[in-house]
């Protein structure tokens, strides 16, 4: 599953309401995160 950060359009590994593969908490500014089926674009360790 992937989650997209709408302000940056970056797609991370994870789901809304949790933590991304690289450690972002999607509960902070939750309106900036949407569940997505897009390809993961984050190159940080844990997402790539």
PDB file of N, CA and C in Angstrom:
ATOM      1  N   UNK A   1       0.849  -1.188   0.000  1.00  0.00           N
ATOM      2  CA  UNK A   1       0.000   0.000   0.000  1.00  0.00           C
ATOM      3  C   UNK A   1       0.887   1.242   0.000  1.00  0.00           C
ATOM      4  N   UNK A   2       0.390   2.281  -0.604  1.00  0.00           N
ATOM      5  CA  UNK A   2       1.135   3.537  -0.675  1.00  0.00           C
ATOM      6  C   UNK A   2       0.281   4.677  -0.132  1.00  0.00           C
ATOM      7  N   UNK A   3       0.947   5.710   0.327  1.00  0.00           N
ATOM      8  CA  UNK A   3       0.274   6.908   0.818  1.00  0.00           C
ATOM      9  C   UNK A   3       0.968   8.117   0.192  1.00  0.00           C
ATOM     10  N   UNK A   4       0.167   9.052  -0.300  1.00  0.00           N
ATOM     11  CA  UNK A   4       0.697  10.215  -1.027  1.00  0.00           C
ATOM     12  C   UNK A   4       0.634  11.459  -0.155  1.00  0.00           C
ATOM     13  N   UNK A   5       1.739  12.214  -0.138  1.00  0.00           N
ATOM     14  CA  UNK A   5       1.791  13.503   0.551  1.00  0.00           C
ATOM     15  C   UNK A   5       1.393  14.563  -0.465  1.00  0.00           C
ATOM     16  N   UNK A   6       0.195  15.113  -0.327  1.00  0.00           N
ATOM     17  CA  UNK A   6      -0.360  15.990  -1.360  1.00  0.00           C
ATOM     18  C   UNK A   6       0.422  17.283  -1.584  1.00  0.00           C
ATOM     19  N   UNK A   7       0.988  17.960  -0.566  1.00  0.00           N
ATOM     20  CA  UNK A   7       1.735  19.193  -0.866  1.00  0.00           C
ATOM     21  C   UNK A   7       2.964  18.962  -1.742  1.00  0.00           C
ATOM     22  N   UNK A   8       3.647  17.820  -1.586  1.00  0.00           N
ATOM     23  CA  UNK A   8       4.867  17.559  -2.355  1.00  0.00           C
ATOM     24  C   UNK A   8       4.632  16.575  -3.492  1.00  0.00           C
ATOM     25  N   UNK A   9       3.462  15.920  -3.525  1.00  0.00           N
ATOM     26  CA  UNK A   9       3.129  14.899  -4.518  1.00  0.00           C
ATOM     27  C   UNK A   9       4.022  13.663  -4.411  1.00  0.00           C
ATOM     28  N   UNK A  10       4.719  13.500  -3.273  1.00  0.00           N
ATOM     29  CA  UNK A  10       5.606  12.358  -3.090  1.00  0.00           C
ATOM     30  C   UNK A  10       4.805  11.171  -2.549  1.00  0.00           C
ATOM     31  N   UNK A  11       5.069   9.990  -3.088  1.00  0.00           N
ATOM     32  CA  UNK A  11       4.346   8.784  -2.698  1.00  0.00           C
ATOM     33  C   UNK A  11       5.271   7.922  -1.841  1.00  0.00           C
ATOM     34  N   UNK A  12       4.785   7.565  -0.648  1.00  0.00           N
ATOM     35  CA  UNK A  12       5.563   6.800   0.327  1.00  0.00           C
ATOM     36  C   UNK A  12       4.942   5.424   0.542  1.00  0.00           C
ATOM     37  N   UNK A  13       5.739   4.487   1.064  1.00  0.00           N
ATOM     38  CA  UNK A  13       5.231   3.176   1.476  1.00  0.00           C
ATOM     39  C   UNK A  13       4.532   3.355   2.817  1.00  0.00           C
ATOM     40  N   UNK A  14       3.322   2.823   2.940  1.00  0.00           N
ATOM     41  CA  UNK A  14       2.575   2.930   4.186  1.00  0.00           C
ATOM     42  C   UNK A  14       1.106   3.179   3.933  1.00  0.00           C
ATOM     43  N   UNK A  15       0.370   3.512   4.997  1.00  0.00           N
ATOM     44  CA  UNK A  15      -1.059   3.815   4.892  1.00  0.00           C
ATOM     45  C   UNK A  15      -1.363   5.061   5.709  1.00  0.00           C
ATOM     46  N   UNK A  16      -2.435   5.753   5.330  1.00  0.00           N
ATOM     47  CA  UNK A  16      -2.889   6.919   6.091  1.00  0.00           C
ATOM     48  C   UNK A  16      -3.321   6.467   7.479  1.00  0.00           C
ATOM     49  N   UNK A  17      -2.930   7.216   8.492  1.00  0.00           N
ATOM     50  CA  UNK A  17      -3.281   6.858   9.864  1.00  0.00           C
ATOM     51  C   UNK A  17      -2.193   6.065  10.561  1.00  0.00           C
ATOM     52  N   UNK A  18      -1.005   6.026   9.955  1.00  0.00           N
ATOM     53  CA  UNK A  18       0.112   5.298  10.550  1.00  0.00           C
ATOM     54  C   UNK A  18       1.417   6.019  10.268  1.00  0.00           C
ATOM     55  N   UNK A  19       2.462   5.231  10.059  1.00  0.00           N
ATOM     56  CA  UNK A  19       3.782   5.786   9.769  1.00  0.00           C
ATOM     57  C   UNK A  19       4.253   5.271   8.427  1.00  0.00           C
ATOM     58  N   UNK A  20       4.905   6.128   7.650  1.00  0.00           N
ATOM     59  CA  UNK A  20       5.433   5.699   6.352  1.00  0.00           C
ATOM     60  C   UNK A  20       6.688   4.861   6.562  1.00  0.00           C
ATOM     61  N   UNK A  21       7.137   4.207   5.509  1.00  0.00           N
ATOM     62  CA  UNK A  21       8.341   3.389   5.583  1.00  0.00           C
ATOM     63  C   UNK A  21       9.564   4.165   6.044  1.00  0.00           C
ATOM     64  N   UNK A  22       9.640   5.454   5.693  1.00  0.00           N
ATOM     65  CA  UNK A  22      10.806   6.262   6.065  1.00  0.00           C
ATOM     66  C   UNK A  22      10.575   7.050   7.356  1.00  0.00           C
ATOM     67  N   UNK A  23       9.422   6.860   8.012  1.00  0.00           N
ATOM     68  CA  UNK A  23       9.242   7.408   9.349  1.00  0.00           C
ATOM     69  C   UNK A  23       8.333   8.600   9.520  1.00  0.00           C
ATOM     70  N   UNK A  24       7.674   9.087   8.455  1.00  0.00           N
ATOM     71  CA  UNK A  24       6.733  10.194   8.614  1.00  0.00           C
ATOM     72  C   UNK A  24       5.474   9.698   9.321  1.00  0.00           C
ATOM     73  N   UNK A  25       4.961  10.476  10.260  1.00  0.00           N
ATOM     74  CA  UNK A  25       3.711  10.166  10.948  1.00  0.00           C
ATOM     75  C   UNK A  25       2.570  10.791  10.145  1.00  0.00           C
ATOM     76  N   UNK A  26       1.722   9.958   9.532  1.00  0.00           N
ATOM     77  CA  UNK A  26       0.649  10.488   8.689  1.00  0.00           C
ATOM     78  C   UNK A  26      -0.529  11.018   9.511  1.00  0.00           C
ATOM     79  N   UNK A  27      -0.472  10.876  10.840  1.00  0.00           N
ATOM     80  CA  UNK A  27      -1.513  11.456  11.682  1.00  0.00           C
ATOM     81  C   UNK A  27      -1.282  12.958  11.888  1.00  0.00           C
ATOM     82  N   UNK A  28      -0.031  13.411  11.749  1.00  0.00           N
ATOM     83  CA  UNK A  28       0.258  14.843  11.816  1.00  0.00           C
ATOM     84  C   UNK A  28      -0.103  15.447  10.465  1.00  0.00           C
ATOM     85  N   UNK A  29      -0.884  16.490  10.458  1.00  0.00           N
ATOM     86  CA  UNK A  29      -1.369  17.112   9.212  1.00  0.00           C
ATOM     87  C   UNK A  29      -2.041  16.046   8.339  1.00  0.00           C
ATOM     88  N   UNK A  30      -2.961  15.294   8.917  1.00  0.00           N
ATOM     89  CA  UNK A  30      -3.570  14.154   8.213  1.00  0.00           C
ATOM     90  C   UNK A  30      -4.267  14.566   6.923  1.00  0.00           C
ATOM     91  N   UNK A  31      -4.671  15.840   6.795  1.00  0.00           N
ATOM     92  CA  UNK A  31      -5.304  16.284   5.550  1.00  0.00           C
ATOM     93  C   UNK A  31      -4.297  16.396   4.409  1.00  0.00           C
ATOM     94  N   UNK A  32      -2.992  16.263   4.691  1.00  0.00           N
ATOM     95  CA  UNK A  32      -1.950  16.295   3.660  1.00  0.00           C
ATOM     96  C   UNK A  32      -1.672  14.906   3.097  1.00  0.00           C
ATOM     97  N   UNK A  33      -2.297  13.860   3.630  1.00  0.00           N
ATOM     98  CA  UNK A  33      -1.999  12.480   3.233  1.00  0.00           C
ATOM     99  C   UNK A  33      -3.233  11.807   2.656  1.00  0.00           C
ATOM    100  N   UNK A  34      -3.064  11.067   1.562  1.00  0.00           N
ATOM    101  CA  UNK A  34      -4.151  10.282   0.970  1.00  0.00           C
ATOM    102  C   UNK A  34      -3.621   8.906   0.585  1.00  0.00           C
ATOM    103  N   UNK A  35      -4.435   7.861   0.806  1.00  0.00           N
ATOM    104  CA  UNK A  35      -4.058   6.528   0.354  1.00  0.00           C
ATOM    105  C   UNK A  35      -4.005   6.527  -1.158  1.00  0.00           C
ATOM    106  N   UNK A  36      -3.065   5.787  -1.718  1.00  0.00           N
ATOM    107  CA  UNK A  36      -2.816   5.839  -3.149  1.00  0.00           C
ATOM    108  C   UNK A  36      -2.411   4.468  -3.672  1.00  0.00           C
ATOM    109  N   UNK A  37      -2.648   4.248  -4.954  1.00  0.00           N
ATOM    110  CA  UNK A  37      -2.170   3.044  -5.629  1.00  0.00           C
ATOM    111  C   UNK A  37      -1.028   3.369  -6.579  1.00  0.00           C
ATOM    112  N   UNK A  38      -0.512   4.598  -6.484  1.00  0.00           N
ATOM    113  CA  UNK A  38       0.568   5.028  -7.369  1.00  0.00           C
ATOM    114  C   UNK A  38       1.888   4.373  -6.981  1.00  0.00           C
ATOM    115  N   UNK A  39       2.848   4.429  -7.896  1.00  0.00           N
ATOM    116  CA  UNK A  39       4.186   3.899  -7.650  1.00  0.00           C
ATOM    117  C   UNK A  39       4.864   4.758  -6.584  1.00  0.00           C
ATOM    118  N   UNK A  40       5.585   4.110  -5.665  1.00  0.00           N
ATOM    119  CA  UNK A  40       6.287   4.827  -4.596  1.00  0.00           C
ATOM    120  C   UNK A  40       7.418   5.649  -5.203  1.00  0.00           C
ATOM    121  N   UNK A  41       7.452   6.957  -4.872  1.00  0.00           N
ATOM    122  CA  UNK A  41       8.462   7.844  -5.424  1.00  0.00           C
ATOM    123  C   UNK A  41       9.490   8.273  -4.373  1.00  0.00           C
ATOM    124  N   UNK A  42       9.260   7.981  -3.115  1.00  0.00           N
ATOM    125  CA  UNK A  42      10.201   8.354  -2.058  1.00  0.00           C
ATOM    126  C   UNK A  42      11.451   7.482  -2.168  1.00  0.00           C
ATOM    127  N   UNK A  43      12.617   8.123  -2.156  1.00  0.00           N
ATOM    128  CA  UNK A  43      13.877   7.391  -2.289  1.00  0.00           C
ATOM    129  C   UNK A  43      14.565   7.166  -0.946  1.00  0.00           C
ATOM    130  N   UNK A  44      13.896   7.530   0.159  1.00  0.00           N
ATOM    131  CA  UNK A  44      14.504   7.377   1.484  1.00  0.00           C
ATOM    132  C   UNK A  44      14.471   5.912   1.918  1.00  0.00           C
ATOM    133  N   UNK A  45      15.382   5.568   2.797  1.00  0.00           N
ATOM    134  CA  UNK A  45      15.484   4.208   3.311  1.00  0.00           C
ATOM    135  C   UNK A  45      14.186   3.825   4.015  1.00  0.00           C
ATOM    136  N   UNK A  46      13.645   2.668   3.704  1.00  0.00           N
ATOM    137  CA  UNK A  46      12.390   2.221   4.272  1.00  0.00           C
ATOM    138  C   UNK A  46      11.239   2.308   3.291  1.00  0.00           C
ATOM    139  N   UNK A  47      11.288   3.280   2.387  1.00  0.00           N
ATOM    140  CA  UNK A  47      10.252   3.427   1.364  1.00  0.00           C
ATOM    141  C   UNK A  47      10.687   2.793   0.051  1.00  0.00           C
ATOM    142  N   UNK A  48      11.956   2.983  -0.319  1.00  0.00           N
ATOM    143  CA  UNK A  48      12.413   2.523  -1.640  1.00  0.00           C
ATOM    144  C   UNK A  48      12.511   1.009  -1.745  1.00  0.00           C
TER     145      UNK A  48
END
